[in-house]
């Protein structure tokens, strides 16, 4: 794994990067960076799926270049370190299964969701340490 943190707009990265973010199992995506993901990646199919059956907490759902980590049941809830860890492990499996080698994300779980970046960074690094995946964390 190659891990780096840069000051850059996540959406300005080249199209060979898959972009990850956290959402709730109801896939509302009405606040924070999730709003931008919804616009840029047309995640209506994911929302339709969630309307029929809530998405599973702790799973990563790929929709185009967007990796959607389900870390809580409702948008107003907060994730736990357990739920974000499960989602990150699921994201690792999606990356390995689908041959994804370039991954970018904001400081997931740490904006509106209030988790501590130092702990989340450690979870990501430990989960991906034995992979060849390039991970870029974008902050503005």
Protein backbone atom coordinates (compact mmCIF):
# COMPACT_ATOMS: atom_id res chain seq x y z
CA UNK A 1 0.00 0.00 0.00
CA UNK A 2 1.09 3.52 -0.78
CA UNK A 3 -0.72 5.99 1.52
CA UNK A 4 -0.55 9.76 1.30
CA UNK A 5 -2.53 12.77 2.44
CA UNK A 6 -2.71 15.81 0.17
CA UNK A 7 -4.50 19.14 0.04
CA UNK A 8 -6.59 18.78 -3.10
CA UNK A 9 -10.19 18.62 -4.24
CA UNK A 10 -11.10 14.93 -4.25
CA UNK A 11 -13.12 15.36 -7.43
CA UNK A 12 -10.16 16.90 -9.26
CA UNK A 13 -8.23 13.61 -9.24
CA UNK A 14 -7.88 11.67 -12.49
CA UNK A 15 -10.59 9.25 -13.54
CA UNK A 16 -8.45 6.19 -12.76
CA UNK A 17 -9.14 6.77 -9.05
CA UNK A 18 -12.14 5.21 -7.36
CA UNK A 19 -13.59 7.58 -4.77
CA UNK A 20 -14.88 6.46 -1.38
CA UNK A 21 -17.20 8.07 1.14
CA UNK A 22 -19.49 7.10 4.02
CA UNK A 23 -23.28 7.03 3.86
CA UNK A 24 -26.20 5.66 5.84
CA UNK A 25 -28.12 2.50 4.99
CA UNK A 26 -31.09 4.61 3.83
CA UNK A 27 -28.78 6.24 1.20
CA UNK A 28 -30.29 9.70 1.72
CA UNK A 29 -27.00 11.56 0.98
CA UNK A 30 -28.43 14.97 1.84
CA UNK A 31 -25.47 16.61 3.61
CA UNK A 32 -21.71 16.94 3.51
CA UNK A 33 -19.58 15.50 0.72
CA UNK A 34 -22.22 12.82 0.05
CA UNK A 35 -24.26 15.50 -1.77
CA UNK A 36 -21.38 15.97 -4.23
CA UNK A 37 -21.02 12.20 -4.68
CA UNK A 38 -24.74 11.94 -5.43
CA UNK A 39 -24.49 14.65 -8.09
CA UNK A 40 -21.25 13.50 -9.73
CA UNK A 41 -21.92 9.76 -9.76
CA UNK A 42 -25.70 9.68 -10.24
CA UNK A 43 -26.28 7.34 -7.30
CA UNK A 44 -30.04 7.05 -7.86
CA UNK A 45 -29.74 3.28 -8.43
CA UNK A 46 -28.16 2.95 -4.99
CA UNK A 47 -30.93 5.06 -3.47
CA UNK A 48 -33.57 2.96 -5.26
CA UNK A 49 -31.98 -0.19 -3.86
CA UNK A 50 -32.04 1.32 -0.35
CA UNK A 51 -35.70 2.29 -0.73
CA UNK A 52 -36.60 -1.35 -1.35
CA UNK A 53 -34.28 -2.78 1.29
CA UNK A 54 -31.89 -0.85 3.58
CA UNK A 55 -28.24 -1.27 2.62
CA UNK A 56 -26.21 -3.40 5.02
CA UNK A 57 -24.18 -1.55 7.65
CA UNK A 58 -20.51 -2.45 7.40
CA UNK A 59 -20.61 -3.11 3.65
CA UNK A 60 -19.14 -1.24 0.70
CA UNK A 61 -21.31 -0.83 -2.39
CA UNK A 62 -19.61 0.05 -5.66
CA UNK A 63 -21.55 2.26 -8.07
CA UNK A 64 -19.41 3.27 -11.04
CA UNK A 65 -16.26 4.87 -9.59
CA UNK A 66 -17.96 5.57 -6.24
CA UNK A 67 -17.35 3.28 -3.28
CA UNK A 68 -20.16 3.83 -0.79
CA UNK A 69 -19.33 2.72 2.75
CA UNK A 70 -22.42 2.06 4.87
CA UNK A 71 -21.51 3.08 8.41
CA UNK A 72 -24.85 3.85 10.09
CA UNK A 73 -28.55 3.16 9.65
CA UNK A 74 -30.00 6.68 9.37
CA UNK A 75 -28.35 9.84 8.10
CA UNK A 76 -28.70 11.58 11.47
CA UNK A 77 -27.01 8.72 13.36
CA UNK A 78 -23.26 8.58 13.97
CA UNK A 79 -21.02 5.68 12.94
CA UNK A 80 -18.96 3.67 15.39
CA UNK A 81 -15.35 2.60 14.95
CA UNK A 82 -16.71 -0.94 14.62
CA UNK A 83 -19.08 -0.03 11.76
CA UNK A 84 -16.47 2.01 9.88
CA UNK A 85 -13.89 -0.76 10.32
CA UNK A 86 -16.29 -3.32 8.84
CA UNK A 87 -17.03 -0.99 5.91
CA UNK A 88 -13.31 -0.38 5.29
CA UNK A 89 -12.63 -4.13 5.30
CA UNK A 90 -15.51 -4.57 2.84
CA UNK A 91 -14.03 -1.78 0.67
CA UNK A 92 -10.66 -3.57 0.69
CA UNK A 93 -12.38 -6.75 -0.52
CA UNK A 94 -14.21 -4.86 -3.28
CA UNK A 95 -10.92 -3.31 -4.40
CA UNK A 96 -9.12 -6.67 -4.47
CA UNK A 97 -12.03 -8.49 -6.16
CA UNK A 98 -12.46 -5.79 -8.82
CA UNK A 99 -8.77 -5.07 -9.45
CA UNK A 100 -8.98 -1.50 -8.12
CA UNK A 101 -5.46 -0.14 -7.58
CA UNK A 102 -6.11 3.58 -7.02
CA UNK A 103 -8.38 4.76 -4.24
CA UNK A 104 -9.08 8.27 -2.95
CA UNK A 105 -11.29 9.60 -0.19
CA UNK A 106 -11.78 12.50 2.18
CA UNK A 107 -11.10 11.97 5.89
CA UNK A 108 -13.99 9.50 6.01
CA UNK A 109 -16.18 9.44 9.09
CA UNK A 110 -14.54 12.58 10.48
CA UNK A 111 -16.60 15.48 9.14
CA UNK A 112 -20.25 15.45 10.10
CA UNK A 113 -19.81 11.95 11.56
CA UNK A 114 -17.34 13.18 14.23
CA UNK A 115 -14.92 10.23 14.38
CA UNK A 116 -11.25 11.00 15.09
CA UNK A 117 -9.09 11.03 11.95
CA UNK A 118 -6.05 9.58 13.73
CA UNK A 119 -8.02 6.43 14.59
CA UNK A 120 -9.69 6.13 11.18
CA UNK A 121 -6.33 6.64 9.40
CA UNK A 122 -4.88 3.79 11.46
CA UNK A 123 -7.81 1.50 10.55
CA UNK A 124 -7.34 2.25 6.83
CA UNK A 125 -3.58 1.72 6.98
CA UNK A 126 -3.86 -1.56 8.90
CA UNK A 127 -6.61 -2.87 6.62
CA UNK A 128 -4.75 -2.11 3.39
CA UNK A 129 -1.14 -2.62 4.56
CA UNK A 130 -0.59 -5.87 2.66
CA UNK A 131 -2.07 -4.63 -0.64
CA UNK A 132 -0.63 -2.86 -3.68
CA UNK A 133 -3.38 -0.22 -3.62
CA UNK A 134 -2.48 3.48 -3.81
CA UNK A 135 -4.58 5.44 -1.32
CA UNK A 136 -4.87 9.22 -1.41
CA UNK A 137 -6.63 11.18 1.32
CA UNK A 138 -7.78 14.57 0.06
CA UNK A 139 -8.35 17.53 2.34
CA UNK A 140 -9.14 21.12 1.46
